[in-house]
Amino acid sequence: MIESLFSLQDKICVVTGGRHGLGSYMAQGFLESGPKRVYITDR
């Protein structure tokens, strides 16, 4: 139940400030959650 509630399957994620620190860790977590695409931007 919880897995389906927070599932990123077939979603597109955008992470701003994903080059350093928390943004980098968030991008890695999103990648491991199985979205269709993850876009990482910085400045």
PDB file of N, CA and C in Angstrom:
ATOM      1  N   MET A   1       0.826  -1.198   0.000  1.00  0.00           N
ATOM      2  CA  MET A   1       0.000   0.000   0.000  1.00  0.00           C
ATOM      3  C   MET A   1       0.869   1.260   0.000  1.00  0.00           C
ATOM      4  N   ILE A   2       1.812   1.352   0.919  1.00  0.00           N
ATOM      5  CA  ILE A   2       2.669   2.533   0.982  1.00  0.00           C
ATOM      6  C   ILE A   2       3.516   2.659  -0.273  1.00  0.00           C
ATOM      7  N   GLU A   3       4.015   1.529  -0.786  1.00  0.00           N
ATOM      8  CA  GLU A   3       4.838   1.575  -1.990  1.00  0.00           C
ATOM      9  C   GLU A   3       4.072   2.174  -3.163  1.00  0.00           C
ATOM     10  N   SER A   4       2.809   1.807  -3.315  1.00  0.00           N
ATOM     11  CA  SER A   4       2.027   2.342  -4.427  1.00  0.00           C
ATOM     12  C   SER A   4       1.651   3.804  -4.201  1.00  0.00           C
ATOM     13  N   LEU A   5       1.543   4.223  -2.948  1.00  0.00           N
ATOM     14  CA  LEU A   5       1.203   5.605  -2.646  1.00  0.00           C
ATOM     15  C   LEU A   5       2.329   6.550  -3.049  1.00  0.00           C
ATOM     16  N   PHE A   6       3.577   6.140  -2.819  1.00  0.00           N
ATOM     17  CA  PHE A   6       4.728   6.979  -3.117  1.00  0.00           C
ATOM     18  C   PHE A   6       5.514   6.493  -4.335  1.00  0.00           C
ATOM     19  N   SER A   7       4.900   5.699  -5.171  1.00  0.00           N
ATOM     20  CA  SER A   7       5.576   5.152  -6.340  1.00  0.00           C
ATOM     21  C   SER A   7       5.867   6.240  -7.375  1.00  0.00           C
ATOM     22  N   LEU A   8       7.013   6.132  -8.009  1.00  0.00           N
ATOM     23  CA  LEU A   8       7.387   7.055  -9.079  1.00  0.00           C
ATOM     24  C   LEU A   8       7.405   6.356 -10.434  1.00  0.00           C
ATOM     25  N   GLN A   9       6.855   5.166 -10.518  1.00  0.00           N
ATOM     26  CA  GLN A   9       6.796   4.437 -11.778  1.00  0.00           C
ATOM     27  C   GLN A   9       6.099   5.290 -12.833  1.00  0.00           C
ATOM     28  N   ASP A  10       6.698   5.384 -14.005  1.00  0.00           N
ATOM     29  CA  ASP A  10       6.157   6.114 -15.158  1.00  0.00           C
ATOM     30  C   ASP A  10       5.950   7.602 -14.890  1.00  0.00           C
ATOM     31  N   LYS A  11       6.696   8.171 -13.966  1.00  0.00           N
ATOM     32  CA  LYS A  11       6.642   9.608 -13.688  1.00  0.00           C
ATOM     33  C   LYS A  11       7.906  10.269 -14.215  1.00  0.00           C
ATOM     34  N   ILE A  12       7.870  11.581 -14.342  1.00  0.00           N
ATOM     35  CA  ILE A  12       9.041  12.364 -14.728  1.00  0.00           C
ATOM     36  C   ILE A  12       9.376  13.272 -13.554  1.00  0.00           C
ATOM     37  N   CYS A  13      10.625  13.221 -13.103  1.00  0.00           N
ATOM     38  CA  CYS A  13      11.075  14.007 -11.956  1.00  0.00           C
ATOM     39  C   CYS A  13      12.022  15.097 -12.424  1.00  0.00           C
ATOM     40  N   VAL A  14      11.908  16.269 -11.817  1.00  0.00           N
ATOM     41  CA  VAL A  14      12.824  17.374 -12.069  1.00  0.00           C
ATOM     42  C   VAL A  14      13.434  17.762 -10.733  1.00  0.00           C
ATOM     43  N   VAL A  15      14.760  17.747 -10.664  1.00  0.00           N
ATOM     44  CA  VAL A  15      15.476  18.119  -9.443  1.00  0.00           C
ATOM     45  C   VAL A  15      16.293  19.360  -9.751  1.00  0.00           C
ATOM     46  N   THR A  16      16.001  20.454  -9.040  1.00  0.00           N
ATOM     47  CA  THR A  16      16.786  21.671  -9.214  1.00  0.00           C
ATOM     48  C   THR A  16      17.879  21.683  -8.147  1.00  0.00           C
ATOM     49  N   GLY A  17      19.041  22.125  -8.518  1.00  0.00           N
ATOM     50  CA  GLY A  17      20.166  22.122  -7.594  1.00  0.00           C
ATOM     51  C   GLY A  17      20.668  20.723  -7.319  1.00  0.00           C
ATOM     52  N   GLY A  18      20.597  19.854  -8.321  1.00  0.00           N
ATOM     53  CA  GLY A  18      20.948  18.454  -8.145  1.00  0.00           C
ATOM     54  C   GLY A  18      22.417  18.132  -8.288  1.00  0.00           C
ATOM     55  N   ARG A  19      23.248  19.126  -8.362  1.00  0.00           N
ATOM     56  CA  ARG A  19      24.667  18.867  -8.551  1.00  0.00           C
ATOM     57  C   ARG A  19      25.396  18.622  -7.232  1.00  0.00           C
ATOM     58  N   HIS A  20      24.935  19.242  -6.159  1.00  0.00           N
ATOM     59  CA  HIS A  20      25.615  19.149  -4.868  1.00  0.00           C
ATOM     60  C   HIS A  20      24.634  18.811  -3.752  1.00  0.00           C
ATOM     61  N   GLY A  21      25.157  18.338  -2.645  1.00  0.00           N
ATOM     62  CA  GLY A  21      24.434  18.218  -1.385  1.00  0.00           C
ATOM     63  C   GLY A  21      23.123  17.465  -1.450  1.00  0.00           C
ATOM     64  N   LEU A  22      22.097  18.052  -0.821  1.00  0.00           N
ATOM     65  CA  LEU A  22      20.794  17.394  -0.716  1.00  0.00           C
ATOM     66  C   LEU A  22      20.156  17.124  -2.072  1.00  0.00           C
ATOM     67  N   GLY A  23      20.320  18.044  -3.014  1.00  0.00           N
ATOM     68  CA  GLY A  23      19.764  17.842  -4.348  1.00  0.00           C
ATOM     69  C   GLY A  23      20.339  16.608  -5.018  1.00  0.00           C
ATOM     70  N   SER A  24      21.615  16.373  -4.812  1.00  0.00           N
ATOM     71  CA  SER A  24      22.268  15.188  -5.372  1.00  0.00           C
ATOM     72  C   SER A  24      21.704  13.908  -4.759  1.00  0.00           C
ATOM     73  N   TYR A  25      21.506  13.931  -3.440  1.00  0.00           N
ATOM     74  CA  TYR A  25      20.941  12.759  -2.763  1.00  0.00           C
ATOM     75  C   TYR A  25      19.488  12.523  -3.182  1.00  0.00           C
ATOM     76  N   MET A  26      18.739  13.595  -3.383  1.00  0.00           N
ATOM     77  CA  MET A  26      17.353  13.453  -3.832  1.00  0.00           C
ATOM     78  C   MET A  26      17.301  12.862  -5.232  1.00  0.00           C
ATOM     79  N   ALA A  27      18.162  13.336  -6.114  1.00  0.00           N
ATOM     80  CA  ALA A  27      18.199  12.813  -7.479  1.00  0.00           C
ATOM     81  C   ALA A  27      18.529  11.326  -7.469  1.00  0.00           C
ATOM     82  N   GLN A  28      19.488  10.927  -6.628  1.00  0.00           N
ATOM     83  CA  GLN A  28      19.847   9.504  -6.533  1.00  0.00           C
ATOM     84  C   GLN A  28      18.666   8.676  -6.026  1.00  0.00           C
ATOM     85  N   GLY A  29      17.969   9.191  -5.032  1.00  0.00           N
ATOM     86  CA  GLY A  29      16.792   8.492  -4.500  1.00  0.00           C
ATOM     87  C   GLY A  29      15.696   8.349  -5.543  1.00  0.00           C
ATOM     88  N   PHE A  30      15.479   9.412  -6.321  1.00  0.00           N
ATOM     89  CA  PHE A  30      14.481   9.337  -7.389  1.00  0.00           C
ATOM     90  C   PHE A  30      14.884   8.299  -8.431  1.00  0.00           C
ATOM     91  N   LEU A  31      16.157   8.267  -8.796  1.00  0.00           N
ATOM     92  CA  LEU A  31      16.627   7.295  -9.780  1.00  0.00           C
ATOM     93  C   LEU A  31      16.390   5.863  -9.311  1.00  0.00           C
ATOM     94  N   GLU A  32      16.557   5.619  -8.032  1.00  0.00           N
ATOM     95  CA  GLU A  32      16.362   4.281  -7.482  1.00  0.00           C
ATOM     96  C   GLU A  32      14.883   3.914  -7.348  1.00  0.00           C
ATOM     97  N   SER A  33      13.985   4.913  -7.435  1.00  0.00           N
ATOM     98  CA  SER A  33      12.552   4.656  -7.280  1.00  0.00           C
ATOM     99  C   SER A  33      11.878   4.279  -8.590  1.00  0.00           C
ATOM    100  N   GLY A  34      12.603   4.315  -9.688  1.00  0.00           N
ATOM    101  CA  GLY A  34      12.094   3.825 -10.961  1.00  0.00           C
ATOM    102  C   GLY A  34      11.235   4.752 -11.782  1.00  0.00           C
ATOM    103  N   PRO A  35      11.501   6.063 -11.822  1.00  0.00           N
ATOM    104  CA  PRO A  35      10.714   6.920 -12.700  1.00  0.00           C
ATOM    105  C   PRO A  35      11.086   6.712 -14.164  1.00  0.00           C
ATOM    106  N   LYS A  36      10.256   7.249 -15.036  1.00  0.00           N
ATOM    107  CA  LYS A  36      10.547   7.170 -16.474  1.00  0.00           C
ATOM    108  C   LYS A  36      11.783   7.995 -16.815  1.00  0.00           C
ATOM    109  N   ARG A  37      11.877   9.211 -16.263  1.00  0.00           N
ATOM    110  CA  ARG A  37      13.017  10.093 -16.485  1.00  0.00           C
ATOM    111  C   ARG A  37      13.267  10.931 -15.236  1.00  0.00           C
ATOM    112  N   VAL A  38      14.539  11.305 -15.051  1.00  0.00           N
ATOM    113  CA  VAL A  38      14.928  12.240 -13.999  1.00  0.00           C
ATOM    114  C   VAL A  38      15.781  13.326 -14.649  1.00  0.00           C
ATOM    115  N   TYR A  39      15.317  14.559 -14.563  1.00  0.00           N
ATOM    116  CA  TYR A  39      16.074  15.687 -15.081  1.00  0.00           C
ATOM    117  C   TYR A  39      16.730  16.394 -13.909  1.00  0.00           C
ATOM    118  N   ILE A  40      18.037  16.624 -14.021  1.00  0.00           N
ATOM    119  CA  ILE A  40      18.800  17.273 -12.966  1.00  0.00           C
ATOM    120  C   ILE A  40      19.328  18.586 -13.518  1.00  0.00           C
ATOM    121  N   THR A  41      18.986  19.690 -12.848  1.00  0.00           N
ATOM    122  CA  THR A  41      19.442  20.990 -13.284  1.00  0.00           C
ATOM    123  C   THR A  41      20.233  21.669 -12.171  1.00  0.00           C
ATOM    124  N   ASP A  42      21.073  22.599 -12.562  1.00  0.00           N
ATOM    125  CA  ASP A  42      21.834  23.383 -11.605  1.00  0.00           C
ATOM    126  C   ASP A  42      22.083  24.743 -12.214  1.00  0.00           C
ATOM    127  N   ARG A  43      21.668  25.760 -11.541  1.00  0.00           N
ATOM    128  CA  ARG A  43      21.779  27.163 -11.975  1.00  0.00           C
ATOM    129  C   ARG A  43      21.131  27.378 -13.286  1.00  0.00           C
TER     130      ARG A  43
END
